[in-house]
N, C-alpha and C. Protein backbone atom coordinates (compact mmCIF):
# COMPACT_ATOMS: atom_id res chain seq x y z
N MET A 1 3.94 -1.97 -10.73
CA MET A 1 2.67 -2.17 -10.93
C MET A 1 2.26 -3.47 -10.40
N ASN A 2 1.27 -3.83 -9.71
CA ASN A 2 1.37 -5.06 -9.09
C ASN A 2 0.56 -5.99 -10.25
N LEU A 3 1.17 -6.59 -10.88
CA LEU A 3 0.07 -7.29 -12.08
C LEU A 3 -0.49 -8.40 -11.06
N GLN A 4 -0.36 -9.22 -10.38
CA GLN A 4 -1.11 -10.34 -9.77
C GLN A 4 -2.19 -9.45 -8.33
N ARG A 5 -1.87 -8.61 -7.98
CA ARG A 5 -3.20 -7.82 -7.29
C ARG A 5 -4.01 -7.41 -8.49
N ILE A 6 -3.63 -6.76 -9.79
CA ILE A 6 -4.87 -6.12 -10.75
C ILE A 6 -5.41 -7.55 -11.27
N GLN A 7 -4.69 -8.75 -12.00
CA GLN A 7 -6.02 -9.42 -12.02
C GLN A 7 -6.47 -10.32 -11.00
N ASN A 8 -6.09 -10.69 -9.54
CA ASN A 8 -7.18 -10.56 -8.29
C ASN A 8 -8.57 -9.63 -8.08
N GLU A 9 -8.48 -8.15 -8.39
CA GLU A 9 -9.03 -7.31 -8.20
C GLU A 9 -10.41 -7.65 -9.64
N PHE A 10 -9.64 -7.27 -10.87
CA PHE A 10 -10.08 -7.54 -11.89
C PHE A 10 -11.57 -9.09 -11.49
N ALA A 11 -10.64 -9.90 -11.05
CA ALA A 11 -11.82 -11.22 -10.77
C ALA A 11 -12.98 -10.52 -10.12
N ALA A 12 -12.88 -9.81 -9.02
CA ALA A 12 -13.46 -10.04 -8.00
C ALA A 12 -14.13 -8.59 -8.25
N ALA A 13 -13.72 -7.74 -9.01
CA ALA A 13 -14.78 -6.88 -10.15
C ALA A 13 -16.23 -7.02 -10.82
N LYS A 14 -15.73 -8.21 -11.80
CA LYS A 14 -16.79 -9.08 -12.87
C LYS A 14 -17.62 -9.67 -11.47
N ASN A 15 -17.34 -9.91 -10.20
CA ASN A 15 -18.79 -10.17 -10.07
C ASN A 15 -19.76 -9.25 -9.33
N THR A 16 -18.84 -7.79 -9.28
CA THR A 16 -19.89 -6.95 -8.61
C THR A 16 -20.21 -6.22 -10.21
N PHE A 17 -19.58 -5.91 -11.33
CA PHE A 17 -20.45 -5.10 -12.23
C PHE A 17 -20.08 -6.20 -13.59
N ALA A 18 -21.32 -5.76 -14.44
CA ALA A 18 -21.61 -6.73 -15.63
C ALA A 18 -20.24 -7.08 -17.00
N PHE A 19 -19.50 -5.18 -17.12
CA PHE A 19 -18.94 -5.40 -18.19
C PHE A 19 -17.80 -4.82 -17.93
N VAL A 20 -16.97 -5.61 -17.44
CA VAL A 20 -15.61 -5.03 -17.26
C VAL A 20 -14.36 -6.01 -17.89
N GLU A 21 -13.48 -5.33 -18.67
CA GLU A 21 -12.37 -6.01 -19.28
C GLU A 21 -10.92 -5.79 -18.83
N LEU A 22 -10.07 -6.43 -19.08
CA LEU A 22 -8.47 -6.01 -18.45
C LEU A 22 -8.16 -6.27 -19.77
N HIS A 23 -7.11 -5.81 -20.52
CA HIS A 23 -6.58 -5.60 -21.48
C HIS A 23 -5.01 -5.12 -21.31
N PRO A 24 -4.25 -5.32 -22.19
CA PRO A 24 -2.31 -5.41 -21.99
C PRO A 24 -2.29 -3.90 -22.94
N THR A 25 -1.20 -3.21 -22.38
CA THR A 25 -0.77 -2.52 -22.82
C THR A 25 0.40 -2.80 -23.67
N VAL A 26 1.32 -1.80 -24.35
CA VAL A 26 2.47 -2.42 -25.37
C VAL A 26 3.19 -1.92 -24.44
N GLU A 27 3.66 -1.08 -23.22
CA GLU A 27 4.60 -0.96 -22.28
C GLU A 27 4.41 -2.37 -21.41
N GLY A 28 3.63 -3.38 -21.42
CA GLY A 28 3.88 -4.48 -20.78
C GLY A 28 2.84 -4.58 -19.67
N GLY A 29 2.32 -3.82 -19.08
CA GLY A 29 1.31 -3.13 -18.25
C GLY A 29 -0.59 -3.51 -18.42
N VAL A 30 -1.29 -3.71 -18.20
CA VAL A 30 -2.60 -3.80 -18.45
C VAL A 30 -3.50 -2.57 -17.63
N PHE A 31 -4.23 -2.52 -18.62
CA PHE A 31 -5.42 -1.37 -18.27
C PHE A 31 -7.22 -2.00 -18.05
N ALA A 32 -8.00 -1.54 -17.51
CA ALA A 32 -9.08 -1.91 -17.54
C ALA A 32 -10.11 -0.95 -18.51
N LYS A 33 -10.90 -1.79 -18.51
CA LYS A 33 -12.56 -0.80 -19.60
C LYS A 33 -13.19 -1.33 -18.94
N ALA A 34 -14.65 -0.21 -18.57
CA ALA A 34 -15.95 -0.93 -17.83
C ALA A 34 -16.81 -0.04 -18.79
N ALA A 35 -18.25 -0.45 -18.63
CA ALA A 35 -18.93 0.12 -19.09
C ALA A 35 -20.32 -0.10 -17.94
N LEU A 36 -20.85 1.63 -17.87
CA LEU A 36 -22.02 1.68 -16.81
C LEU A 36 -22.92 2.41 -17.49
N GLN A 37 -24.44 1.88 -17.07
CA GLN A 37 -24.96 2.98 -17.87
C GLN A 37 -25.80 3.58 -16.33
N THR A 38 -26.45 4.76 -16.57
CA THR A 38 -27.10 5.69 -15.67
C THR A 38 -28.60 5.78 -16.50
N ILE A 39 -29.39 6.66 -15.97
CA ILE A 39 -30.74 6.72 -16.16
C ILE A 39 -30.86 7.16 -17.93
N SER A 40 -29.41 8.46 -18.43
CA SER A 40 -29.90 8.76 -19.52
C SER A 40 -28.63 7.88 -20.43
N ASN A 41 -27.69 7.45 -19.74
CA ASN A 41 -26.64 7.33 -20.77
C ASN A 41 -26.14 6.12 -20.42
N THR A 42 -25.03 5.41 -21.49
CA THR A 42 -24.49 3.90 -21.29
C THR A 42 -22.88 4.93 -21.34
N TYR A 43 -22.22 4.62 -20.25
CA TYR A 43 -20.58 5.51 -20.60
C TYR A 43 -19.47 4.09 -20.70
N VAL A 44 -18.57 3.94 -21.40
CA VAL A 44 -17.61 3.48 -21.41
C VAL A 44 -15.78 3.77 -20.35
N LEU A 45 -15.98 3.35 -19.85
CA LEU A 45 -14.52 4.23 -19.62
C LEU A 45 -13.27 3.54 -19.03
N SER A 46 -11.81 3.66 -19.30
CA SER A 46 -10.47 3.16 -19.11
C SER A 46 -10.17 3.42 -17.84
N ILE A 47 -9.82 2.72 -16.97
CA ILE A 47 -8.85 2.71 -15.74
C ILE A 47 -7.36 2.52 -15.69
N ARG A 48 -6.60 3.08 -16.05
CA ARG A 48 -5.34 3.27 -16.33
C ARG A 48 -4.38 2.85 -14.61
N PHE A 49 -3.58 1.72 -14.78
CA PHE A 49 -2.98 1.69 -13.46
C PHE A 49 -1.33 2.59 -13.37
N PRO A 50 -0.84 3.13 -12.57
CA PRO A 50 0.51 4.07 -12.67
C PRO A 50 1.53 2.39 -12.30
N ASP A 51 2.71 2.95 -13.01
CA ASP A 51 3.51 1.90 -12.31
C ASP A 51 3.62 2.13 -10.58
N SER A 52 3.15 2.68 -10.18
CA SER A 52 3.19 2.73 -8.46
C SER A 52 1.98 1.76 -8.24
N TYR A 53 1.38 1.59 -8.51
CA TYR A 53 0.27 0.83 -8.41
C TYR A 53 0.38 -0.36 -7.45
N PRO A 54 -0.08 -0.62 -6.24
CA PRO A 54 -1.64 0.23 -5.96
C PRO A 54 -0.90 1.30 -4.61
N ASN A 55 0.28 1.66 -4.80
CA ASN A 55 0.27 2.78 -3.93
C ASN A 55 -0.05 4.58 -4.21
N GLU A 56 -0.82 4.38 -5.75
CA GLU A 56 -1.11 5.23 -6.54
C GLU A 56 -2.47 4.81 -6.85
N MET A 57 -3.38 6.30 -6.89
CA MET A 57 -4.86 5.47 -7.59
C MET A 57 -4.51 5.38 -8.95
N PRO A 58 -5.33 4.87 -9.55
CA PRO A 58 -5.85 4.48 -11.02
C PRO A 58 -6.18 5.88 -11.72
N ARG A 59 -5.94 5.85 -12.72
CA ARG A 59 -6.39 7.12 -13.45
C ARG A 59 -7.47 6.82 -14.40
N VAL A 60 -8.92 7.37 -14.19
CA VAL A 60 -9.88 7.07 -14.75
C VAL A 60 -10.41 8.25 -16.12
N THR A 61 -11.06 7.68 -17.28
CA THR A 61 -11.35 8.75 -18.09
C THR A 61 -12.38 7.99 -19.07
N ILE A 62 -13.50 8.95 -19.03
CA ILE A 62 -14.89 8.57 -20.04
C ILE A 62 -14.14 8.61 -21.35
N ASP A 63 -14.25 7.44 -22.19
CA ASP A 63 -14.06 7.32 -23.67
C ASP A 63 -15.17 7.52 -24.57
N THR A 64 -16.47 7.13 -24.09
CA THR A 64 -17.70 6.88 -24.66
C THR A 64 -19.01 6.95 -23.80
N PRO A 65 -19.94 8.23 -24.08
CA PRO A 65 -19.53 9.09 -25.02
C PRO A 65 -18.83 10.02 -24.36
N PRO A 66 -18.10 10.80 -25.19
CA PRO A 66 -17.13 12.16 -24.69
C PRO A 66 -17.70 12.90 -24.14
N ILE A 67 -16.83 12.79 -23.06
CA ILE A 67 -17.18 14.74 -22.23
C ILE A 67 -16.43 15.71 -22.35
N THR A 68 -17.08 16.16 -22.92
CA THR A 68 -15.88 17.50 -23.39
C THR A 68 -15.91 18.86 -22.52
N THR A 69 -16.53 19.13 -21.45
CA THR A 69 -16.66 19.84 -20.54
C THR A 69 -17.10 19.64 -18.74
N SER A 70 -16.34 19.44 -17.90
CA SER A 70 -17.36 19.34 -17.10
C SER A 70 -16.44 19.38 -15.24
N PRO A 71 -17.09 19.67 -14.64
CA PRO A 71 -16.01 20.31 -12.98
C PRO A 71 -15.53 18.61 -12.61
N HIS A 72 -14.64 18.79 -11.34
CA HIS A 72 -13.86 17.59 -10.88
C HIS A 72 -13.56 16.34 -12.28
N ARG A 73 -12.44 17.42 -13.17
CA ARG A 73 -11.31 16.66 -13.84
C ARG A 73 -10.28 17.10 -13.67
N TYR A 74 -9.23 16.31 -14.15
CA TYR A 74 -7.56 16.82 -13.97
C TYR A 74 -7.01 17.22 -15.44
N ASN A 75 -6.04 17.63 -15.71
CA ASN A 75 -5.05 18.05 -16.82
C ASN A 75 -5.38 16.33 -17.53
N GLY A 76 -5.89 16.38 -19.03
CA GLY A 76 -5.31 14.87 -19.03
C GLY A 76 -6.46 14.18 -18.97
N GLY A 77 -7.69 14.95 -18.65
CA GLY A 77 -9.28 14.60 -18.76
C GLY A 77 -9.82 13.83 -18.00
N TYR A 78 -8.68 13.50 -16.96
CA TYR A 78 -9.09 12.31 -15.78
C TYR A 78 -10.41 12.71 -14.83
N ILE A 79 -11.05 11.98 -14.23
CA ILE A 79 -12.54 12.11 -13.85
C ILE A 79 -11.54 12.05 -12.41
N CYS A 80 -11.95 12.94 -11.24
CA CYS A 80 -11.80 13.09 -9.95
C CYS A 80 -13.27 12.48 -8.92
N TYR A 81 -12.76 11.03 -9.05
CA TYR A 81 -13.54 10.17 -8.42
C TYR A 81 -13.18 10.17 -6.92
N LEU A 82 -11.83 10.53 -6.42
CA LEU A 82 -11.84 10.62 -5.39
C LEU A 82 -10.52 11.75 -5.01
N HIS A 83 -10.22 12.36 -4.07
CA HIS A 83 -8.97 13.07 -3.96
C HIS A 83 -7.75 12.09 -3.41
N PRO A 84 -6.80 12.34 -4.46
CA PRO A 84 -5.70 11.55 -4.18
C PRO A 84 -4.88 11.40 -2.78
N SER A 85 -4.97 12.59 -1.82
CA SER A 85 -5.01 11.92 -0.21
C SER A 85 -5.36 11.18 0.08
N MET A 86 -6.75 10.81 -0.02
CA MET A 86 -7.74 10.03 0.27
C MET A 86 -7.72 8.57 -0.31
N TRP A 87 -6.53 8.08 -1.11
CA TRP A 87 -6.50 6.87 -1.68
C TRP A 87 -5.96 6.42 -0.93
N ASN A 88 -6.68 4.44 -0.43
CA ASN A 88 -5.15 3.86 0.87
C ASN A 88 -5.94 2.43 0.00
N PRO A 89 -4.02 2.28 -0.49
CA PRO A 89 -4.17 1.33 -0.79
C PRO A 89 -4.18 -0.51 -0.34
N GLY A 90 -4.24 -0.33 0.78
CA GLY A 90 -4.80 -1.21 1.95
C GLY A 90 -6.45 -1.31 1.58
N ILE A 91 -7.43 -0.34 1.67
CA ILE A 91 -8.89 -0.93 1.40
C ILE A 91 -8.86 -0.36 0.37
N HIS A 92 -8.87 0.55 -1.16
CA HIS A 92 -9.16 0.90 -2.63
C HIS A 92 -8.71 -0.44 -2.98
N ASP A 93 -9.62 -0.81 -4.22
CA ASP A 93 -9.37 -1.44 -5.05
C ASP A 93 -9.99 -1.40 -6.83
N LEU A 94 -10.04 -2.09 -7.35
CA LEU A 94 -10.55 -1.70 -8.65
C LEU A 94 -12.32 -1.81 -8.68
N THR A 95 -12.75 -2.54 -7.55
CA THR A 95 -14.31 -2.56 -7.53
C THR A 95 -14.48 -1.35 -6.88
N PHE A 96 -13.74 -0.51 -5.99
CA PHE A 96 -13.96 0.45 -5.60
C PHE A 96 -13.76 1.68 -6.36
N VAL A 97 -13.13 1.99 -7.28
CA VAL A 97 -12.94 2.76 -8.55
C VAL A 97 -13.64 2.67 -9.49
N ILE A 98 -14.15 1.81 -9.74
CA ILE A 98 -15.51 1.32 -10.74
C ILE A 98 -16.71 2.17 -9.88
N GLY A 99 -16.98 1.85 -9.09
CA GLY A 99 -18.09 2.31 -7.81
C GLY A 99 -17.77 3.62 -8.33
N ARG A 100 -16.58 4.32 -7.85
CA ARG A 100 -16.59 5.68 -7.37
C ARG A 100 -16.84 6.79 -8.33
N ALA A 101 -16.27 5.90 -9.81
CA ALA A 101 -16.63 6.24 -11.51
C ALA A 101 -18.17 6.58 -11.55
N ALA A 102 -19.05 5.34 -11.34
CA ALA A 102 -20.19 5.23 -11.58
C ALA A 102 -20.84 6.97 -10.79
N LYS A 103 -20.55 6.68 -9.50
CA LYS A 103 -20.66 8.11 -8.65
C LYS A 103 -20.91 9.16 -9.38
N TRP A 104 -19.31 9.56 -9.46
CA TRP A 104 -18.88 10.45 -10.37
C TRP A 104 -20.10 11.07 -11.92
N LEU A 105 -20.24 9.53 -12.68
CA LEU A 105 -20.95 10.03 -13.89
C LEU A 105 -22.25 10.16 -13.03
N ASN A 106 -22.89 9.61 -12.09
CA ASN A 106 -24.35 10.13 -11.95
C ASN A 106 -24.63 11.79 -11.39
N LYS A 107 -23.31 12.16 -10.73
CA LYS A 107 -22.94 13.66 -10.04
C LYS A 107 -23.08 14.41 -11.49
N TYR A 108 -22.20 14.03 -12.60
CA TYR A 108 -22.07 14.57 -13.64
C TYR A 108 -23.04 14.96 -14.77
N GLU A 109 -24.27 13.89 -14.61
CA GLU A 109 -25.43 14.28 -14.85
C GLU A 109 -26.68 14.74 -14.35
N VAL A 110 -26.36 15.36 -12.81
CA VAL A 110 -27.13 15.97 -12.54
C VAL A 110 -26.55 17.86 -12.85
N TRP A 111 -25.74 17.77 -12.71
CA TRP A 111 -24.42 18.73 -12.78
C TRP A 111 -25.22 18.94 -14.42
N ARG A 112 -25.15 18.38 -15.25
CA ARG A 112 -25.52 19.08 -16.98
C ARG A 112 -26.96 19.76 -17.04
N VAL A 113 -28.02 19.06 -16.05
CA VAL A 113 -29.28 19.25 -15.89
C VAL A 113 -29.48 20.38 -14.70
N LYS A 114 -28.67 21.26 -13.90
CA LYS A 114 -28.84 21.75 -13.09
C LYS A 114 -27.82 22.94 -12.98
N GLY A 115 -26.73 22.22 -13.31
CA GLY A 115 -25.84 23.16 -12.89
C GLY A 115 -24.99 23.22 -11.74
N ILE A 116 -25.02 22.65 -11.23
CA ILE A 116 -24.76 22.48 -9.76
C ILE A 116 -23.72 21.05 -9.13
N TRP A 117 -22.89 20.99 -8.85
CA TRP A 117 -22.53 19.51 -8.51
C TRP A 117 -22.92 19.36 -7.72
N PRO A 118 -23.76 17.93 -6.71
CA PRO A 118 -23.95 17.67 -5.79
C PRO A 118 -22.66 16.98 -4.83
N GLY A 119 -23.15 17.44 -3.42
CA GLY A 119 -22.62 16.42 -2.94
C GLY A 119 -21.18 17.09 -2.06
N ALA A 120 -20.84 16.69 -1.45
CA ALA A 120 -19.33 17.99 -0.37
C ALA A 120 -18.72 17.53 -1.73
N GLU A 121 -17.28 18.63 -1.13
CA GLU A 121 -16.39 18.91 -2.54
C GLU A 121 -15.29 19.39 -1.82
N ILE A 122 -13.79 18.62 -2.56
CA ILE A 122 -12.75 19.01 -1.64
C ILE A 122 -12.09 19.48 -2.90
N ARG A 123 -11.27 20.89 -2.28
CA ARG A 123 -10.84 21.88 -3.60
C ARG A 123 -9.25 20.89 -4.15
N HIS A 124 -9.09 20.94 -5.64
CA HIS A 124 -8.02 20.27 -5.63
C HIS A 124 -7.12 21.03 -6.76
């Protein structure tokens, strides 16, 4: 895990998103928390960086309100904000991840109302 890169990305993400925090893990790493507001809810999410970050994409979970069922989630409850084959450590960063999570949340709210997931989908 590249802690210096994560700290730099965190500083940049704070310029885009109002509620972003960086927290230590018991293993000596860090994870980010962010709050995002949609038309109908405020969500708190956790962004966990794998040991191989930035070569592997972060895992995002929705902490509150709890989401018990939805499409486009992996085992473990991680949301599918981007197909893993599309992750590019040269251009993707924490700001990108939070932005994609916001997009996922908006699609989730459409799915809850209409029963369809809007936009393109890649099977995984």
